[in-house]
Amino acid sequence: MNPTPATRLPIIDLHCDLLVYLTDVPNSDMNKVEEIGCAVPSLVEGNVKLQVMAIYSATGPGSTRYAELQRDMFRQLADADNCLTAVTDVQLLQEAIQRPGGTGMVAAIENAAGFCEEGEPLEEGFKRLEKMIEVCGRILYISFTHHTANRFGGGNSSAPTHGITTDGRMLLDYLHGRRIAVDLSHTSDALAFDILTHIDTERLDIPILASHSNFRPVWQHERNLPDELTQEIIRRKGLIGMNFLRKFLNTEDPEALLQHIQYGFGHGAEDALCFGADYFYFADEVDRSRYPFYYKEHEQASSSYTYILGRLQKQFSGEQLQKLAYGNAQRFIERIWG
């Protein structure tokens, strides 16, 4: 049997904001490829077999209600008669990867403010988290913060020294043994290392990943991983999802995404690299300096993964590209869910 060409490998992607788009944008439609790069037809055409659907909230009053709308949208998509299927265990994951056509999906939480408001008792937040898990069937990972600080710790845009809080440590204790990963993509550096320190000190069983982050030595941005943190994720058998946003790649070089992937392969991340494209709706963005949000080659899930893998196939082996496309993410999920 001939091996699958690199450009038609199955894809697992760790991060998109389709749920935000569907719950927040008037007249939104999961099939509108002209409005969002992860519209369902694009996912199917791009051979995306598992797409992680982020439940996102900004920190502030009403954050939990905003997240509940997305939680319920996830359930609505899972229950509808369409080409999306909820993936909540290892068997369903394996079936999704092998199934021709269609895309599996699993929920994640981007900012713990989505289940716990700033001023409410932490116990109420934990109850709301349990409800999210019940409705969605599974939560793959939780980001403690978004770009600003919250009750759990510092975000990317807060002071680099703003680390973990007491509530953050309590959240880690709560997640021990729950088979839910902690996502470091939106933490401050201090929060990321405080999370790792607390896990080690208390001997907690918590997987680690960076769902949609690139490498800071390639492009200096606080959303990208410093080498020390990259090596910790590798050591802990975590994942690093390559982000497609121009802002986090290099604002002047369309080849930059390839350079980030090459850097990862060259610095020990061969078994950690995967995709975290970070497709979201941006037509209402008023800051014109952010346009284009994506380089043309990366605008749509229908063609971006194919383009990337095609560009890399002369430099890396079929096994390496298989790891990047889906193998690393599949093994990680099977390990933490098994």
C-alpha atoms as a PDB file:
ATOM      1  CA  MET A   1       0.000   0.000   0.000  1.00  0.00           C
ATOM      2  CA  ASN A   2       1.368   3.427  -0.923  1.00  0.00           C
ATOM      3  CA  PRO A   3       1.759   5.888   1.958  1.00  0.00           C
ATOM      4  CA  THR A   4      -0.643   8.825   2.105  1.00  0.00           C
ATOM      5  CA  PRO A   5       0.843  11.869   0.326  1.00  0.00           C
ATOM      6  CA  ALA A   6       1.896  14.560   2.782  1.00  0.00           C
ATOM      7  CA  THR A   7      -0.599  16.977   1.294  1.00  0.00           C
ATOM      8  CA  ARG A   8      -3.542  14.638   2.075  1.00  0.00           C
ATOM      9  CA  LEU A   9      -2.662  13.611   5.588  1.00  0.00           C
ATOM     10  CA  PRO A  10      -5.379  13.843   8.229  1.00  0.00           C
ATOM     11  CA  ILE A  11      -5.169  17.061  10.279  1.00  0.00           C
ATOM     12  CA  ILE A  12      -5.711  17.725  13.970  1.00  0.00           C
ATOM     13  CA  ASP A  13      -5.903  21.419  14.844  1.00  0.00           C
ATOM     14  CA  LEU A  14      -5.799  22.578  18.466  1.00  0.00           C
ATOM     15  CA  HIS A  15      -7.530  25.945  18.246  1.00  0.00           C
ATOM     16  CA  CYS A  16     -10.236  27.871  16.404  1.00  0.00           C
ATOM     17  CA  ASP A  17     -12.956  30.376  17.362  1.00  0.00           C
ATOM     18  CA  LEU A  18     -15.877  29.072  15.333  1.00  0.00           C
ATOM     19  CA  LEU A  19     -18.085  28.993  18.453  1.00  0.00           C
ATOM     20  CA  VAL A  20     -17.484  32.694  19.140  1.00  0.00           C
ATOM     21  CA  TYR A  21     -18.354  33.528  15.553  1.00  0.00           C
ATOM     22  CA  LEU A  22     -21.573  31.498  15.611  1.00  0.00           C
ATOM     23  CA  THR A  23     -22.814  32.958  18.900  1.00  0.00           C
ATOM     24  CA  ASP A  24     -21.619  36.554  18.539  1.00  0.00           C
ATOM     25  CA  VAL A  25     -21.856  37.605  14.868  1.00  0.00           C
ATOM     26  CA  PRO A  26     -25.254  38.530  13.360  1.00  0.00           C
ATOM     27  CA  ASN A  27     -26.327  36.226  10.501  1.00  0.00           C
ATOM     28  CA  SER A  28     -23.375  33.930  11.128  1.00  0.00           C
ATOM     29  CA  ASP A  29     -23.374  30.558   9.437  1.00  0.00           C
ATOM     30  CA  MET A  30     -20.999  27.642   9.928  1.00  0.00           C
ATOM     31  CA  ASN A  31     -20.803  27.314   6.128  1.00  0.00           C
ATOM     32  CA  LYS A  32     -19.741  30.916   5.357  1.00  0.00           C
ATOM     33  CA  VAL A  33     -16.203  30.385   4.098  1.00  0.00           C
ATOM     34  CA  GLU A  34     -15.978  34.065   3.152  1.00  0.00           C
ATOM     35  CA  GLU A  35     -16.291  35.100   6.806  1.00  0.00           C
ATOM     36  CA  ILE A  36     -14.077  32.712   8.760  1.00  0.00           C
ATOM     37  CA  GLY A  37     -11.184  30.442   7.801  1.00  0.00           C
ATOM     38  CA  CYS A  38     -12.526  27.483   9.781  1.00  0.00           C
ATOM     39  CA  ALA A  39     -15.998  27.384   8.271  1.00  0.00           C
ATOM     40  CA  VAL A  40     -17.136  23.782   8.171  1.00  0.00           C
ATOM     41  CA  PRO A  41     -16.750  23.296   4.382  1.00  0.00           C
ATOM     42  CA  SER A  42     -13.143  24.501   4.698  1.00  0.00           C
ATOM     43  CA  LEU A  43     -12.447  22.086   7.550  1.00  0.00           C
ATOM     44  CA  VAL A  44     -13.814  19.166   5.569  1.00  0.00           C
ATOM     45  CA  GLU A  45     -11.989  20.134   2.370  1.00  0.00           C
ATOM     46  CA  GLY A  46      -8.758  20.620   4.324  1.00  0.00           C
ATOM     47  CA  ASN A  47      -9.056  17.069   5.740  1.00  0.00           C
ATOM     48  CA  VAL A  48      -9.292  18.355   9.316  1.00  0.00           C
ATOM     49  CA  LYS A  49     -10.344  15.257  11.238  1.00  0.00           C
ATOM     50  CA  LEU A  50     -10.351  16.850  14.685  1.00  0.00           C
ATOM     51  CA  GLN A  51     -10.880  20.546  15.332  1.00  0.00           C
ATOM     52  CA  VAL A  52     -10.652  21.884  18.874  1.00  0.00           C
ATOM     53  CA  MET A  53     -13.422  24.455  19.378  1.00  0.00           C
ATOM     54  CA  ALA A  54     -12.434  27.139  21.877  1.00  0.00           C
ATOM     55  CA  ILE A  55     -14.976  28.538  24.333  1.00  0.00           C
ATOM     56  CA  TYR A  56     -13.597  32.069  24.718  1.00  0.00           C
ATOM     57  CA  SER A  57     -14.425  34.883  27.121  1.00  0.00           C
ATOM     58  CA  ALA A  58     -12.783  38.187  27.908  1.00  0.00           C
ATOM     59  CA  THR A  59     -12.270  38.762  31.623  1.00  0.00           C
ATOM     60  CA  GLY A  60     -15.053  40.984  32.947  1.00  0.00           C
ATOM     61  CA  PRO A  61     -18.701  41.046  34.032  1.00  0.00           C
ATOM     62  CA  GLY A  62     -20.785  38.602  32.024  1.00  0.00           C
ATOM     63  CA  SER A  63     -17.867  36.383  31.041  1.00  0.00           C
ATOM     64  CA  THR A  64     -19.617  33.211  32.167  1.00  0.00           C
ATOM     65  CA  ARG A  65     -22.836  33.951  30.275  1.00  0.00           C
ATOM     66  CA  TYR A  66     -20.801  34.613  27.126  1.00  0.00           C
ATOM     67  CA  ALA A  67     -19.118  31.228  27.547  1.00  0.00           C
ATOM     68  CA  GLU A  68     -22.396  29.436  28.234  1.00  0.00           C
ATOM     69  CA  LEU A  69     -23.729  30.547  24.851  1.00  0.00           C
ATOM     70  CA  GLN A  70     -20.715  28.924  23.185  1.00  0.00           C
ATOM     71  CA  ARG A  71     -21.046  25.819  25.348  1.00  0.00           C
ATOM     72  CA  ASP A  72     -24.625  25.420  24.177  1.00  0.00           C
ATOM     73  CA  MET A  73     -23.616  26.099  20.561  1.00  0.00           C
ATOM     74  CA  PHE A  74     -21.100  23.262  20.779  1.00  0.00           C
ATOM     75  CA  ARG A  75     -23.873  20.946  21.937  1.00  0.00           C
ATOM     76  CA  GLN A  76     -26.185  22.189  19.182  1.00  0.00           C
ATOM     77  CA  LEU A  77     -23.558  21.480  16.521  1.00  0.00           C
ATOM     78  CA  ALA A  78     -22.852  18.051  17.990  1.00  0.00           C
ATOM     79  CA  ASP A  79     -26.541  17.098  18.016  1.00  0.00           C
ATOM     80  CA  ALA A  80     -27.395  18.463  14.564  1.00  0.00           C
ATOM     81  CA  ASP A  81     -27.501  16.332  11.437  1.00  0.00           C
ATOM     82  CA  ASN A  82     -24.337  17.684   9.819  1.00  0.00           C
ATOM     83  CA  CYS A  83     -20.767  16.571   9.126  1.00  0.00           C
ATOM     84  CA  LEU A  84     -19.542  17.528  12.618  1.00  0.00           C
ATOM     85  CA  THR A  85     -19.277  14.905  15.354  1.00  0.00           C
ATOM     86  CA  ALA A  86     -18.316  15.301  18.992  1.00  0.00           C
ATOM     87  CA  VAL A  87     -15.150  13.392  19.945  1.00  0.00           C
ATOM     88  CA  THR A  88     -15.117  12.509  23.634  1.00  0.00           C
ATOM     89  CA  ASP A  89     -13.083   9.308  23.926  1.00  0.00           C
ATOM     90  CA  VAL A  90     -10.201   7.485  22.274  1.00  0.00           C
ATOM     91  CA  GLN A  91     -12.399   5.245  20.134  1.00  0.00           C
ATOM     92  CA  LEU A  92     -14.298   8.223  18.722  1.00  0.00           C
ATOM     93  CA  LEU A  93     -11.002   9.975  18.046  1.00  0.00           C
ATOM     94  CA  GLN A  94      -9.679   7.025  16.067  1.00  0.00           C
ATOM     95  CA  GLU A  95     -12.956   6.754  14.139  1.00  0.00           C
ATOM     96  CA  ALA A  96     -12.887  10.478  13.311  1.00  0.00           C
ATOM     97  CA  ILE A  97      -9.354  10.258  11.915  1.00  0.00           C
ATOM     98  CA  GLN A  98     -10.244   7.302   9.712  1.00  0.00           C
ATOM     99  CA  ARG A  99     -13.680   8.500   8.585  1.00  0.00           C
ATOM    100  CA  PRO A 100     -13.817   9.840   5.011  1.00  0.00           C
ATOM    101  CA  GLY A 101     -15.408  13.282   4.978  1.00  0.00           C
ATOM    102  CA  GLY A 102     -16.615  15.055   8.085  1.00  0.00           C
ATOM    103  CA  THR A 103     -14.784  16.620  11.020  1.00  0.00           C
ATOM    104  CA  GLY A 104     -14.647  15.630  14.658  1.00  0.00           C
ATOM    105  CA  MET A 105     -14.683  18.319  17.312  1.00  0.00           C
ATOM    106  CA  VAL A 106     -13.855  18.685  20.987  1.00  0.00           C
ATOM    107  CA  ALA A 107     -14.284  21.698  23.268  1.00  0.00           C
ATOM    108  CA  ALA A 108     -11.627  23.669  25.149  1.00  0.00           C
ATOM    109  CA  ILE A 109     -11.809  26.721  27.414  1.00  0.00           C
ATOM    110  CA  GLU A 110      -9.860  29.831  26.413  1.00  0.00           C
ATOM    111  CA  ASN A 111      -9.782  31.844  29.649  1.00  0.00           C
ATOM    112  CA  ALA A 112     -11.003  30.420  32.944  1.00  0.00           C
ATOM    113  CA  ALA A 113     -13.109  33.568  33.324  1.00  0.00           C
ATOM    114  CA  GLY A 114     -15.541  31.629  31.140  1.00  0.00           C
ATOM    115  CA  PHE A 115     -16.542  29.486  34.123  1.00  0.00           C
ATOM    116  CA  CYS A 116     -15.667  31.787  37.032  1.00  0.00           C
ATOM    117  CA  GLU A 117     -16.416  35.510  37.337  1.00  0.00           C
ATOM    118  CA  GLU A 118     -13.898  37.694  39.123  1.00  0.00           C
ATOM    119  CA  GLY A 119     -15.969  38.335  42.247  1.00  0.00           C
ATOM    120  CA  GLU A 120     -17.814  35.078  42.840  1.00  0.00           C
ATOM    121  CA  PRO A 121     -16.831  32.175  45.115  1.00  0.00           C
ATOM    122  CA  LEU A 122     -14.409  29.795  43.423  1.00  0.00           C
ATOM    123  CA  GLU A 123     -16.685  26.893  44.306  1.00  0.00           C
ATOM    124  CA  GLU A 124     -19.379  28.357  42.039  1.00  0.00           C
ATOM    125  CA  GLY A 125     -16.857  28.459  39.237  1.00  0.00           C
ATOM    126  CA  PHE A 126     -16.008  24.799  39.726  1.00  0.00           C
ATOM    127  CA  LYS A 127     -19.709  23.906  39.549  1.00  0.00           C
ATOM    128  CA  ARG A 128     -19.984  25.817  36.287  1.00  0.00           C
ATOM    129  CA  LEU A 129     -16.908  24.026  34.940  1.00  0.00           C
ATOM    130  CA  GLU A 130     -18.517  20.681  35.742  1.00  0.00           C
ATOM    131  CA  LYS A 131     -21.609  21.778  33.823  1.00  0.00           C
ATOM    132  CA  MET A 132     -19.430  22.709  30.825  1.00  0.00           C
ATOM    133  CA  ILE A 133     -17.833  19.267  30.875  1.00  0.00           C
ATOM    134  CA  GLU A 134     -21.255  17.633  31.123  1.00  0.00           C
ATOM    135  CA  VAL A 135     -22.766  19.591  28.226  1.00  0.00           C
ATOM    136  CA  CYS A 136     -19.743  19.288  25.918  1.00  0.00           C
ATOM    137  CA  GLY A 137     -18.917  15.718  26.899  1.00  0.00           C
ATOM    138  CA  ARG A 138     -15.236  16.536  27.298  1.00  0.00           C
ATOM    139  CA  ILE A 139     -12.924  19.544  27.748  1.00  0.00           C
ATOM    140  CA  LEU A 140      -9.498  18.997  26.173  1.00  0.00           C
ATOM    141  CA  TYR A 141      -7.692  21.927  27.796  1.00  0.00           C
ATOM    142  CA  ILE A 142      -8.137  25.089  29.854  1.00  0.00           C
ATOM    143  CA  SER A 143      -6.264  28.367  29.455  1.00  0.00           C
ATOM    144  CA  PHE A 144      -6.125  30.151  32.826  1.00  0.00           C
ATOM    145  CA  THR A 145      -6.112  33.619  31.228  1.00  0.00           C
ATOM    146  CA  HIS A 146      -6.472  35.432  27.946  1.00  0.00           C
ATOM    147  CA  HIS A 147      -4.174  38.380  27.223  1.00  0.00           C
ATOM    148  CA  THR A 148      -5.066  40.297  30.422  1.00  0.00           C
ATOM    149  CA  ALA A 149      -4.704  39.207  34.035  1.00  0.00           C
ATOM    150  CA  ASN A 150      -7.545  37.677  36.006  1.00  0.00           C
ATOM    151  CA  ARG A 151      -8.121  36.063  39.389  1.00  0.00           C
ATOM    152  CA  PHE A 152      -5.965  33.074  38.387  1.00  0.00           C
ATOM    153  CA  GLY A 153      -2.825  34.890  37.209  1.00  0.00           C
ATOM    154  CA  GLY A 154      -1.139  37.059  34.591  1.00  0.00           C
ATOM    155  CA  GLY A 155      -1.894  37.050  30.868  1.00  0.00           C
ATOM    156  CA  ASN A 156       0.332  37.698  27.863  1.00  0.00           C
ATOM    157  CA  SER A 157      -0.176  41.453  27.978  1.00  0.00           C
ATOM    158  CA  SER A 158       0.132  41.889  31.730  1.00  0.00           C
ATOM    159  CA  ALA A 159       3.446  42.423  33.484  1.00  0.00           C
ATOM    160  CA  PRO A 160       5.897  39.580  32.701  1.00  0.00           C
ATOM    161  CA  THR A 161       6.344  39.075  36.436  1.00  0.00           C
ATOM    162  CA  HIS A 162       2.596  38.714  37.123  1.00  0.00           C
ATOM    163  CA  GLY A 163       2.453  35.069  38.086  1.00  0.00           C
ATOM    164  CA  ILE A 164      -0.001  32.676  39.684  1.00  0.00           C
ATOM    165  CA  THR A 165      -2.488  33.571  42.406  1.00  0.00           C
ATOM    166  CA  THR A 166      -3.948  31.506  45.243  1.00  0.00           C
ATOM    167  CA  ASP A 167      -7.003  30.844  43.084  1.00  0.00           C
ATOM    168  CA  GLY A 168      -4.710  29.689  40.278  1.00  0.00           C
ATOM    169  CA  ARG A 169      -3.077  27.156  42.568  1.00  0.00           C
ATOM    170  CA  MET A 170      -6.503  25.981  43.728  1.00  0.00           C
ATOM    171  CA  LEU A 171      -7.579  25.519  40.120  1.00  0.00           C
ATOM    172  CA  LEU A 172      -4.503  23.384  39.470  1.00  0.00           C
ATOM    173  CA  ASP A 173      -5.259  21.292  42.556  1.00  0.00           C
ATOM    174  CA  TYR A 174      -8.809  20.839  41.257  1.00  0.00           C
ATOM    175  CA  LEU A 175      -7.560  19.662  37.849  1.00  0.00           C
ATOM    176  CA  HIS A 176      -5.285  16.967  39.310  1.00  0.00           C
ATOM    177  CA  GLY A 177      -6.122  13.647  37.669  1.00  0.00           C
ATOM    178  CA  ARG A 178      -9.020  15.096  35.655  1.00  0.00           C
ATOM    179  CA  ARG A 179      -7.387  14.375  32.252  1.00  0.00           C
ATOM    180  CA  ILE A 180      -7.725  18.016  31.216  1.00  0.00           C
ATOM    181  CA  ALA A 181      -4.595  19.751  29.951  1.00  0.00           C
ATOM    182  CA  VAL A 182      -3.509  23.252  30.977  1.00  0.00           C
ATOM    183  CA  ASP A 183      -2.813  25.548  28.040  1.00  0.00           C
ATOM    184  CA  LEU A 184       0.135  27.965  28.291  1.00  0.00           C
ATOM    185  CA  SER A 185      -0.573  29.940  25.098  1.00  0.00           C
ATOM    186  CA  HIS A 186      -2.069  32.955  26.896  1.00  0.00           C
ATOM    187  CA  THR A 187      -0.124  32.999  30.162  1.00  0.00           C
ATOM    188  CA  SER A 188       2.515  35.489  31.157  1.00  0.00           C
ATOM    189  CA  ASP A 189       5.935  33.862  31.354  1.00  0.00           C
ATOM    190  CA  ALA A 190       5.739  34.071  35.143  1.00  0.00           C
ATOM    191  CA  LEU A 191       2.342  32.349  35.250  1.00  0.00           C
ATOM    192  CA  ALA A 192       3.555  29.588  32.940  1.00  0.00           C
ATOM    193  CA  PHE A 193       6.557  28.777  35.102  1.00  0.00           C
ATOM    194  CA  ASP A 194       4.508  29.116  38.314  1.00  0.00           C
ATOM    195  CA  ILE A 195       2.042  26.571  36.909  1.00  0.00           C
ATOM    196  CA  LEU A 196       4.868  24.133  36.182  1.00  0.00           C
ATOM    197  CA  THR A 197       6.419  24.708  39.611  1.00  0.00           C
ATOM    198  CA  HIS A 198       3.141  24.060  41.427  1.00  0.00           C
ATOM    199  CA  ILE A 199       2.500  20.904  39.404  1.00  0.00           C
ATOM    200  CA  ASP A 200       5.951  19.617  40.324  1.00  0.00           C
ATOM    201  CA  THR A 201       5.853  20.689  43.980  1.00  0.00           C
ATOM    202  CA  GLU A 202       2.454  19.102  44.595  1.00  0.00           C
ATOM    203  CA  ARG A 203       3.109  16.169  42.235  1.00  0.00           C
ATOM    204  CA  LEU A 204      -0.054  16.861  40.276  1.00  0.00           C
ATOM    205  CA  ASP A 205      -1.148  14.778  37.313  1.00  0.00           C
ATOM    206  CA  ILE A 206      -1.875  17.533  34.767  1.00  0.00           C
ATOM    207  CA  PRO A 207      -0.853  17.477  31.085  1.00  0.00           C
ATOM    208  CA  ILE A 208       0.625  20.625  29.528  1.00  0.00           C
ATOM    209  CA  LEU A 209       0.379  22.139  26.055  1.00  0.00           C
ATOM    210  CA  ALA A 210       0.577  25.435  24.184  1.00  0.00           C
ATOM    211  CA  SER A 211      -2.407  25.203  21.879  1.00  0.00           C
ATOM    212  CA  HIS A 212      -1.634  28.080  19.497  1.00  0.00           C
ATOM    213  CA  SER A 213       1.835  29.541  20.042  1.00  0.00           C
ATOM    214  CA  ASN A 214       5.003  29.892  17.973  1.00  0.00           C
ATOM    215  CA  PHE A 215       8.665  30.430  18.924  1.00  0.00           C
ATOM    216  CA  ARG A 216       9.972  33.679  20.390  1.00  0.00           C
ATOM    217  CA  PRO A 217      13.531  33.294  19.040  1.00  0.00           C
ATOM    218  CA  VAL A 218      12.040  33.289  15.524  1.00  0.00           C
ATOM    219  CA  TRP A 219       9.693  36.241  16.147  1.00  0.00           C
ATOM    220  CA  GLN A 220       9.868  38.381  19.282  1.00  0.00           C
ATOM    221  CA  HIS A 221       6.326  38.526  20.626  1.00  0.00           C
ATOM    222  CA  GLU A 222       4.978  37.812  24.102  1.00  0.00           C
ATOM    223  CA  ARG A 223       2.485  35.328  22.604  1.00  0.00           C
ATOM    224  CA  ASN A 224       5.366  33.149  21.430  1.00  0.00           C
ATOM    225  CA  LEU A 225       7.260  30.659  23.574  1.00  0.00           C
ATOM    226  CA  PRO A 226      10.709  31.399  25.007  1.00  0.00           C
ATOM    227  CA  ASP A 227      13.154  28.529  24.618  1.00  0.00           C
ATOM    228  CA  GLU A 228      13.065  27.550  28.280  1.00  0.00           C
ATOM    229  CA  LEU A 229       9.307  27.098  28.172  1.00  0.00           C
ATOM    230  CA  THR A 230       9.496  25.235  24.862  1.00  0.00           C
ATOM    231  CA  GLN A 231      11.931  22.769  26.411  1.00  0.00           C
ATOM    232  CA  GLU A 232       9.680  22.269  29.439  1.00  0.00           C
ATOM    233  CA  ILE A 233       6.739  21.408  27.183  1.00  0.00           C
ATOM    234  CA  ILE A 234       8.928  18.953  25.261  1.00  0.00           C
ATOM    235  CA  ARG A 235      10.209  17.391  28.477  1.00  0.00           C
ATOM    236  CA  ARG A 236       6.660  16.930  29.760  1.00  0.00           C
ATOM    237  CA  LYS A 237       5.542  15.312  26.481  1.00  0.00           C
ATOM    238  CA  GLY A 238       3.193  18.184  25.677  1.00  0.00           C
ATOM    239  CA  LEU A 239       2.129  19.818  22.418  1.00  0.00           C
ATOM    240  CA  ILE A 240       2.952  23.071  20.643  1.00  0.00           C
ATOM    241  CA  GLY A 241       0.328  24.152  18.102  1.00  0.00           C
ATOM    242  CA  MET A 242       1.660  26.376  15.320  1.00  0.00           C
ATOM    243  CA  ASN A 243      -0.357  29.600  15.061  1.00  0.00           C
ATOM    244  CA  PHE A 244      -1.141  30.991  11.577  1.00  0.00           C
ATOM    245  CA  LEU A 245      -1.749  34.638  12.551  1.00  0.00           C
ATOM    246  CA  ARG A 246       0.623  37.047  10.800  1.00  0.00           C
ATOM    247  CA  LYS A 247       1.042  39.054  14.015  1.00  0.00           C
ATOM    248  CA  PHE A 248       2.683  36.076  15.727  1.00  0.00           C
ATOM    249  CA  LEU A 249       4.746  34.858  12.762  1.00  0.00           C
ATOM    250  CA  ASN A 250       6.570  37.857  11.286  1.00  0.00           C
ATOM    251  CA  THR A 251       4.574  40.793   9.993  1.00  0.00           C
ATOM    252  CA  GLU A 252       6.736  41.154   6.880  1.00  0.00           C
ATOM    253  CA  ASP A 253       7.638  37.593   5.826  1.00  0.00           C
ATOM    254  CA  PRO A 254       5.063  35.189   4.309  1.00  0.00           C
ATOM    255  CA  GLU A 255       7.551  32.337   4.767  1.00  0.00           C
ATOM    256  CA  ALA A 256       7.689  32.803   8.534  1.00  0.00           C
ATOM    257  CA  LEU A 257       5.322  29.975   9.467  1.00  0.00           C
ATOM    258  CA  LEU A 258       7.617  27.519   7.726  1.00  0.00           C
ATOM    259  CA  GLN A 259      10.543  29.017   9.656  1.00  0.00           C
ATOM    260  CA  HIS A 260       8.764  28.474  12.987  1.00  0.00           C
ATOM    261  CA  ILE A 261       8.079  24.837  12.101  1.00  0.00           C
ATOM    262  CA  GLN A 262      11.683  24.338  10.965  1.00  0.00           C
ATOM    263  CA  TYR A 263      12.891  25.893  14.212  1.00  0.00           C
ATOM    264  CA  GLY A 264      10.751  23.479  16.213  1.00  0.00           C
ATOM    265  CA  PHE A 265      12.085  20.446  14.356  1.00  0.00           C
ATOM    266  CA  GLY A 266      15.623  21.731  14.848  1.00  0.00           C
ATOM    267  CA  HIS A 267      15.236  22.299  18.595  1.00  0.00           C
ATOM    268  CA  GLY A 268      13.867  18.995  19.828  1.00  0.00           C
ATOM    269  CA  ALA A 269      10.153  19.546  19.273  1.00  0.00           C
ATOM    270  CA  GLU A 270       9.610  16.860  16.619  1.00  0.00           C
ATOM    271  CA  ASP A 271       7.282  14.921  18.928  1.00  0.00           C
ATOM    272  CA  ALA A 272       5.483  18.056  20.166  1.00  0.00           C
ATOM    273  CA  LEU A 273       4.715  20.033  17.006  1.00  0.00           C
ATOM    274  CA  CYS A 274       1.166  20.196  15.673  1.00  0.00           C
ATOM    275  CA  PHE A 275      -1.246  22.824  14.339  1.00  0.00           C
ATOM    276  CA  GLY A 276      -3.183  25.512  16.225  1.00  0.00           C
ATOM    277  CA  ALA A 277      -4.198  27.764  13.361  1.00  0.00           C
ATOM    278  CA  ASP A 278      -6.331  30.188  15.426  1.00  0.00           C
ATOM    279  CA  TYR A 279      -8.952  31.008  12.802  1.00  0.00           C
ATOM    280  CA  PHE A 280     -11.473  33.605  13.952  1.00  0.00           C
ATOM    281  CA  TYR A 281     -13.883  36.264  12.661  1.00  0.00           C
ATOM    282  CA  PHE A 282     -12.162  39.641  12.271  1.00  0.00           C
ATOM    283  CA  ALA A 283     -14.338  41.730   9.914  1.00  0.00           C
ATOM    284  CA  ASP A 284     -15.332  43.990  12.821  1.00  0.00           C
ATOM    285  CA  GLU A 285     -11.702  44.751  13.796  1.00  0.00           C
ATOM    286  CA  VAL A 286     -11.078  48.522  13.679  1.00  0.00           C
ATOM    287  CA  ASP A 287      -7.292  48.382  14.064  1.00  0.00           C
ATOM    288  CA  ARG A 288      -6.235  48.465  10.415  1.00  0.00           C
ATOM    289  CA  SER A 289      -2.607  47.719  11.297  1.00  0.00           C
ATOM    290  CA  ARG A 290      -3.591  44.119  11.957  1.00  0.00           C
ATOM    291  CA  TYR A 291      -4.684  43.556   8.361  1.00  0.00           C
ATOM    292  CA  PRO A 292      -4.080  41.182   6.732  1.00  0.00           C
ATOM    293  CA  PHE A 293      -4.617  38.919   9.687  1.00  0.00           C
ATOM    294  CA  TYR A 294      -3.268  35.931   7.763  1.00  0.00           C
ATOM    295  CA  TYR A 295      -0.945  35.629   4.800  1.00  0.00           C
ATOM    296  CA  LYS A 296      -2.820  34.524   1.706  1.00  0.00           C
ATOM    297  CA  GLU A 297      -1.427  30.975   1.886  1.00  0.00           C
ATOM    298  CA  HIS A 298      -2.874  30.568   5.386  1.00  0.00           C
ATOM    299  CA  GLU A 299      -6.303  32.191   5.039  1.00  0.00           C
ATOM    300  CA  GLN A 300      -8.432  29.051   4.796  1.00  0.00           C
ATOM    301  CA  ALA A 301      -8.355  25.632   6.412  1.00  0.00           C
ATOM    302  CA  SER A 302      -9.304  24.197   3.018  1.00  0.00           C
ATOM    303  CA  SER A 303      -5.825  24.886   1.618  1.00  0.00           C
ATOM    304  CA  SER A 304      -3.458  26.069   4.347  1.00  0.00           C
ATOM    305  CA  TYR A 305      -2.428  22.687   5.795  1.00  0.00           C
ATOM    306  CA  THR A 306      -1.977  21.255   2.300  1.00  0.00           C
ATOM    307  CA  TYR A 307       0.232  24.205   1.364  1.00  0.00           C
ATOM    308  CA  ILE A 308       2.370  23.935   4.498  1.00  0.00           C
ATOM    309  CA  LEU A 309       2.898  20.180   4.274  1.00  0.00           C
ATOM    310  CA  GLY A 310       3.638  20.445   0.571  1.00  0.00           C
ATOM    311  CA  ARG A 311       6.298  23.083   1.182  1.00  0.00           C
ATOM    312  CA  LEU A 312       7.935  20.968   3.891  1.00  0.00           C
ATOM    313  CA  GLN A 313       7.963  17.566   2.205  1.00  0.00           C
ATOM    314  CA  LYS A 314      11.357  17.995   0.556  1.00  0.00           C
ATOM    315  CA  GLN A 315      12.965  18.936   3.854  1.00  0.00           C
ATOM    316  CA  PHE A 316      11.345  16.493   6.277  1.00  0.00           C
ATOM    317  CA  SER A 317      10.479  12.811   6.151  1.00  0.00           C
ATOM    318  CA  GLY A 318       6.997  11.406   5.744  1.00  0.00           C
ATOM    319  CA  GLU A 319       7.097  10.289   9.378  1.00  0.00           C
ATOM    320  CA  GLN A 320       7.975  13.792  10.578  1.00  0.00           C
ATOM    321  CA  LEU A 321       5.169  15.372   8.556  1.00  0.00           C
ATOM    322  CA  GLN A 322       2.724  12.768   9.822  1.00  0.00           C
ATOM    323  CA  LYS A 323       3.650  13.738  13.386  1.00  0.00           C
ATOM    324  CA  LEU A 324       3.060  17.412  12.607  1.00  0.00           C
ATOM    325  CA  ALA A 325      -0.219  16.852  10.767  1.00  0.00           C
ATOM    326  CA  TYR A 326      -1.949  14.669  13.340  1.00  0.00           C
ATOM    327  CA  GLY A 327       0.299  12.024  14.881  1.00  0.00           C
ATOM    328  CA  ASN A 328       1.661  14.005  17.817  1.00  0.00           C
ATOM    329  CA  ALA A 329      -1.743  15.396  18.753  1.00  0.00           C
ATOM    330  CA  GLN A 330      -3.412  11.991  18.423  1.00  0.00           C
ATOM    331  CA  ARG A 331      -0.848  10.312  20.672  1.00  0.00           C
ATOM    332  CA  PHE A 332      -1.110  13.096  23.247  1.00  0.00           C
ATOM    333  CA  ILE A 333      -4.909  12.867  23.395  1.00  0.00           C
ATOM    334  CA  GLU A 334      -4.890   9.080  23.515  1.00  0.00           C
ATOM    335  CA  ARG A 335      -2.374   9.198  26.363  1.00  0.00           C
ATOM    336  CA  ILE A 336      -4.284  11.648  28.541  1.00  0.00           C
ATOM    337  CA  TRP A 337      -7.715  10.148  27.791  1.00  0.00           C
ATOM    338  CA  GLY A 338      -6.675   6.515  27.964  1.00  0.00           C
END
